[in-house]
Amino acid sequence: MTQTVLVIGGSGKLGSVVCRALSNTRIYRHVVSVTRKQCVDTEIRVNKPALAIEVTNCESVYVNSLQLLKAAVPTIVGASGLSNDDRSNLNRIAKQNAVPCLVVPNFSIAAALMNQAAKLVAQHLPDCEIVEYHHAEKKDAPSATSMNTAAHIRYNRENQAFDSADNNDPKSHHIPIHSIRSQGFLAKQDVIFGQTGESLTISLNQIDRRAFEPGILLATKALLQLEPGLHHGIEAVMNVPNCESEL
């Protein structure tokens, strides 16, 4: 294939991983890295991409994603910072332009499996809190990954996710999320469950961004097979036929 992929934020840390992963496959022969100094609309017109991956930051992700979808470019959103209203608008624009948009809080396959495990445990252990750790440069808190995990748990019981600010009220029906930003971490998350006499911790520790590469390839391979509109999480494509076997 000679399809072109735009990587918005391709010079960033995650963007560099995306560009490397796609350049090393036979699927896409032209991977275009778009930096903050370049105009997204111009790059769309010049390159006519088959799809795009947005991996900038919480300050730019919505505007860039909106531009891509309005231009009818199938889009993967890997940057965090989208509000519920943002997602609703992106879903509407994607459907209007008959293209899929996949929002991926975390490209890690292990993160998706962590969420599935958390959903199972949540049915049996009543108490739950999440502690998420990221590098000091991460701008948003709580992380999109932790909010996504809390949402998965919420679907299995009546709890609601929120940033507790270390408000550990045992009578609360919420899922507290504690955010730590410090040197010494890339991305780590502990989902802590408990009941009288015992506790269970599901822990994910990512120490190298290469952990995201299998998920990146899976998402790009499966994107064009999704229905128009917004889809959420790498879980949305983990079971898409004829995708994983070709990576």
Protein backbone atom coordinates (compact mmCIF):
# COMPACT_ATOMS: atom_id res chain seq x y z
CA MET A 1 0.00 0.00 0.00
CA THR A 2 1.03 3.60 -0.50
CA GLN A 3 -1.44 5.16 1.91
CA THR A 4 -0.43 8.29 3.76
CA VAL A 5 -0.86 8.76 7.51
CA LEU A 6 -0.66 12.14 9.23
CA VAL A 7 0.74 12.07 12.76
CA ILE A 8 -0.28 15.31 14.46
CA GLY A 9 2.30 15.89 17.16
CA GLY A 10 4.76 13.56 15.49
CA SER A 11 7.80 15.24 17.03
CA GLY A 12 6.61 14.62 20.59
CA LYS A 13 7.51 11.65 22.77
CA LEU A 14 4.44 9.58 21.93
CA GLY A 15 4.35 10.97 18.39
CA SER A 16 7.87 9.71 17.76
CA VAL A 17 6.80 6.23 18.86
CA VAL A 18 3.81 6.37 16.51
CA CYS A 19 5.96 7.47 13.56
CA ARG A 20 8.54 4.76 14.22
CA ALA A 21 5.93 2.03 14.59
CA LEU A 22 4.13 2.97 11.37
CA SER A 23 7.33 3.49 9.39
CA ASN A 24 8.48 -0.03 10.29
CA THR A 25 5.39 -1.68 8.80
CA ARG A 26 4.51 -2.45 5.20
CA ILE A 27 1.04 -1.00 5.57
CA TYR A 28 1.87 2.69 5.28
CA ARG A 29 4.64 3.89 3.02
CA HIS A 30 4.23 7.59 3.74
CA VAL A 31 4.13 8.73 7.39
CA VAL A 32 3.95 12.52 7.68
CA SER A 33 4.90 14.08 11.02
CA VAL A 34 3.04 17.35 11.63
CA THR A 35 4.61 19.66 14.22
CA ARG A 36 3.07 22.55 16.13
CA LYS A 37 4.55 25.03 13.63
CA GLN A 38 2.67 23.46 10.73
CA CYS A 39 -0.95 24.05 9.72
CA VAL A 40 -3.11 20.95 10.04
CA ASP A 41 -5.52 22.08 7.31
CA THR A 42 -2.65 22.65 4.90
CA GLU A 43 -1.15 19.23 5.60
CA ILE A 44 -4.54 17.62 4.97
CA ARG A 45 -4.90 19.32 1.59
CA VAL A 46 -1.34 18.59 0.49
CA ASN A 47 -1.07 14.97 1.65
CA LYS A 48 -4.66 13.70 1.31
CA PRO A 49 -4.17 11.19 4.15
CA ALA A 50 -5.98 7.87 4.45
CA LEU A 51 -6.11 8.46 8.19
CA ALA A 52 -4.59 10.59 10.93
CA ILE A 53 -3.38 10.10 14.49
CA GLU A 54 -3.64 13.03 16.91
CA VAL A 55 -1.09 12.80 19.74
CA THR A 56 -0.43 16.40 20.80
CA ASN A 57 -1.69 17.47 24.24
CA CYS A 58 -4.79 18.52 26.14
CA GLU A 59 -4.49 22.09 24.81
CA SER A 60 -4.63 21.19 21.11
CA VAL A 61 -6.32 17.82 20.81
CA TYR A 62 -9.91 18.98 20.35
CA VAL A 63 -9.26 21.66 17.74
CA ASN A 64 -6.98 19.39 15.71
CA SER A 65 -9.38 16.45 15.88
CA LEU A 66 -12.25 18.67 14.80
CA GLN A 67 -10.28 19.87 11.77
CA LEU A 68 -9.47 16.31 10.74
CA LEU A 69 -13.03 15.05 11.03
CA LYS A 70 -14.48 18.07 9.22
CA ALA A 71 -12.11 17.18 6.37
CA ALA A 72 -13.51 13.62 6.45
CA VAL A 73 -10.22 12.09 7.61
CA PRO A 74 -10.63 8.92 9.73
CA THR A 75 -8.92 9.81 13.00
CA ILE A 76 -7.33 8.16 16.01
CA VAL A 77 -7.12 10.44 19.04
CA GLY A 78 -4.29 9.41 21.34
CA ALA A 79 -3.95 12.69 23.25
CA SER A 80 -5.89 13.17 26.48
CA GLY A 81 -7.93 16.17 27.53
CA LEU A 82 -11.27 15.70 25.77
CA SER A 83 -14.36 16.63 27.78
CA ASN A 84 -17.70 14.88 27.47
CA ASP A 85 -18.95 17.79 25.36
CA ASP A 86 -15.86 17.49 23.14
CA ARG A 87 -16.54 13.80 22.58
CA SER A 88 -20.18 14.47 21.81
CA ASN A 89 -19.25 17.08 19.20
CA LEU A 90 -16.60 14.86 17.63
CA ASN A 91 -19.11 12.03 17.42
CA ARG A 92 -21.59 14.29 15.65
CA ILE A 93 -19.02 15.63 13.17
CA ALA A 94 -17.64 12.15 12.47
CA LYS A 95 -21.11 10.85 11.66
CA GLN A 96 -21.89 13.87 9.50
CA ASN A 97 -18.76 13.20 7.45
CA ALA A 98 -19.19 9.41 7.48
CA VAL A 99 -15.80 8.66 9.07
CA PRO A 100 -14.77 6.77 12.22
CA CYS A 101 -12.99 8.41 15.14
CA LEU A 102 -11.27 6.19 17.71
CA VAL A 103 -10.37 7.81 21.05
CA VAL A 104 -7.62 5.81 22.75
CA PRO A 105 -6.72 6.89 26.32
CA ASN A 106 -3.90 4.34 26.34
CA PHE A 107 -2.50 2.34 23.40
CA SER A 108 -1.25 -0.37 25.75
CA ILE A 109 -2.79 -3.82 25.29
CA ALA A 110 -1.98 -4.49 28.95
CA ALA A 111 -4.01 -1.42 29.97
CA ALA A 112 -7.03 -2.83 28.15
CA LEU A 113 -6.60 -6.15 29.93
CA MET A 114 -6.28 -4.30 33.25
CA ASN A 115 -9.67 -2.69 32.61
CA GLN A 116 -11.27 -6.04 31.87
CA ALA A 117 -9.82 -7.50 35.07
CA ALA A 118 -11.01 -4.48 37.07
CA LYS A 119 -14.55 -4.92 35.76
CA LEU A 120 -14.56 -8.52 36.99
CA VAL A 121 -13.14 -7.73 40.43
CA ALA A 122 -15.55 -4.81 40.89
CA GLN A 123 -18.46 -7.25 40.89
CA HIS A 124 -17.13 -8.95 44.02
CA LEU A 125 -15.07 -6.48 46.13
CA PRO A 126 -16.93 -3.38 47.37
CA ASP A 127 -14.14 -0.84 47.95
CA CYS A 128 -12.06 0.61 45.13
CA GLU A 129 -9.59 3.45 44.65
CA ILE A 130 -7.18 4.26 41.83
CA VAL A 131 -3.68 5.69 42.16
CA GLU A 132 -2.08 6.85 38.91
CA TYR A 133 1.52 7.98 38.50
CA HIS A 134 2.96 9.86 35.52
CA HIS A 135 6.07 11.78 34.58
CA ALA A 136 6.31 15.35 35.82
CA GLU A 137 5.71 16.84 32.36
CA LYS A 138 2.19 15.41 32.00
CA LYS A 139 -0.20 18.36 32.00
CA ASP A 140 -3.57 16.77 32.80
CA ALA A 141 -4.76 15.06 35.96
CA PRO A 142 -6.43 12.68 36.52
CA SER A 143 -5.09 10.81 33.53
CA ALA A 144 -7.40 9.67 30.75
CA THR A 145 -6.30 6.11 31.49
CA SER A 146 -7.47 6.28 35.10
CA MET A 147 -10.77 7.89 34.13
CA ASN A 148 -11.27 5.18 31.54
CA THR A 149 -10.61 2.46 34.12
CA ALA A 150 -13.06 4.08 36.53
CA ALA A 151 -15.67 4.23 33.77
CA HIS A 152 -15.26 0.50 33.13
CA ILE A 153 -15.77 -0.20 36.82
CA ARG A 154 -18.76 2.12 36.95
CA TYR A 155 -20.57 0.06 34.31
CA ASN A 156 -20.47 -2.89 36.69
CA ARG A 157 -21.83 -1.01 39.69
CA GLU A 158 -23.38 2.30 40.65
CA ASN A 159 -20.14 4.12 41.55
CA GLN A 160 -19.09 7.29 39.74
CA ALA A 161 -15.53 8.33 38.88
CA PHE A 162 -14.11 11.58 40.18
CA ASP A 163 -10.87 13.13 41.37
CA SER A 164 -11.05 12.69 45.12
CA ALA A 165 -8.21 15.06 46.05
CA ASP A 166 -7.35 12.39 48.64
CA ASN A 167 -10.84 12.40 50.12
CA ASN A 168 -10.94 8.80 51.34
CA ASP A 169 -14.48 8.64 52.66
CA PRO A 170 -15.27 4.95 53.20
CA LYS A 171 -19.00 5.73 52.93
CA SER A 172 -18.60 7.30 49.51
CA HIS A 173 -20.11 5.56 46.49
CA HIS A 174 -17.49 7.15 44.25
CA ILE A 175 -14.17 5.84 42.95
CA PRO A 176 -11.41 8.14 44.21
CA ILE A 177 -8.56 8.79 41.79
CA HIS A 178 -5.26 10.02 43.21
CA SER A 179 -2.80 11.59 40.76
CA ILE A 180 0.97 11.73 41.27
CA ARG A 181 3.27 13.67 38.94
CA SER A 182 6.93 13.02 39.59
CA GLN A 183 10.28 12.22 38.06
CA GLY A 184 11.01 8.52 38.03
CA PHE A 185 7.75 7.49 36.36
CA LEU A 186 6.59 7.10 32.79
CA ALA A 187 3.11 5.71 33.46
CA LYS A 188 1.92 3.52 36.32
CA GLN A 189 -1.51 2.73 37.68
CA ASP A 190 -2.73 0.77 40.68
CA VAL A 191 -6.39 -0.22 40.97
CA ILE A 192 -6.89 -1.16 44.62
CA PHE A 193 -9.88 -3.23 45.71
CA GLY A 194 -10.73 -4.32 49.22
CA GLN A 195 -13.18 -5.83 51.63
CA THR A 196 -12.98 -6.86 55.26
CA GLY A 197 -9.76 -8.77 55.85
CA GLU A 198 -8.23 -8.59 52.38
CA SER A 199 -7.25 -6.41 49.45
CA LEU A 200 -6.40 -6.95 45.80
CA THR A 201 -4.28 -4.62 43.66
CA ILE A 202 -4.18 -4.67 39.87
CA SER A 203 -0.98 -2.89 38.87
CA LEU A 204 0.18 -1.68 35.46
CA ASN A 205 3.69 -0.27 35.11
CA GLN A 206 4.87 1.09 31.76
CA ILE A 207 8.58 1.90 31.66
CA ASP A 208 9.12 2.25 27.91
CA ARG A 209 6.88 3.85 25.28
CA ARG A 210 7.59 0.92 22.98
CA ALA A 211 4.84 -0.81 24.96
CA PHE A 212 2.38 1.27 22.95
CA GLU A 213 3.52 0.06 19.51
CA PRO A 214 1.35 -3.11 19.23
CA GLY A 215 -1.74 -1.11 20.16
CA ILE A 216 -0.86 1.66 17.72
CA LEU A 217 -0.56 -0.82 14.86
CA LEU A 218 -3.77 -2.59 15.87
CA ALA A 219 -5.70 0.70 16.00
CA THR A 220 -4.48 1.92 12.61
CA LYS A 221 -5.17 -1.43 10.97
CA ALA A 222 -8.70 -1.65 12.35
CA LEU A 223 -9.79 2.00 12.15
CA LEU A 224 -11.22 1.92 8.64
CA GLN A 225 -13.37 -1.09 9.52
CA LEU A 226 -15.24 0.83 12.23
CA GLU A 227 -18.62 2.45 11.68
CA PRO A 228 -18.79 6.26 11.33
CA GLY A 229 -18.87 8.04 14.66
CA LEU A 230 -16.92 7.96 17.91
CA HIS A 231 -15.45 4.76 19.35
CA HIS A 232 -13.62 4.53 22.66
CA GLY A 233 -10.58 2.59 23.78
CA ILE A 234 -8.24 0.08 22.22
CA GLU A 235 -10.82 -2.48 23.38
CA ALA A 236 -13.03 -1.32 20.50
CA VAL A 237 -10.63 -2.88 17.99
CA MET A 238 -9.08 -5.79 19.88
CA ASN A 239 -11.68 -8.18 18.48
CA VAL A 240 -11.97 -6.75 14.97
CA PRO A 241 -11.58 -9.72 12.54
CA ASN A 242 -8.51 -9.98 10.30
CA CYS A 243 -6.59 -7.22 12.06
CA GLU A 244 -4.44 -8.69 14.80
CA SER A 245 -3.26 -11.59 12.65
CA GLU A 246 -1.76 -9.24 10.06
CA LEU A 247 0.33 -7.11 12.43
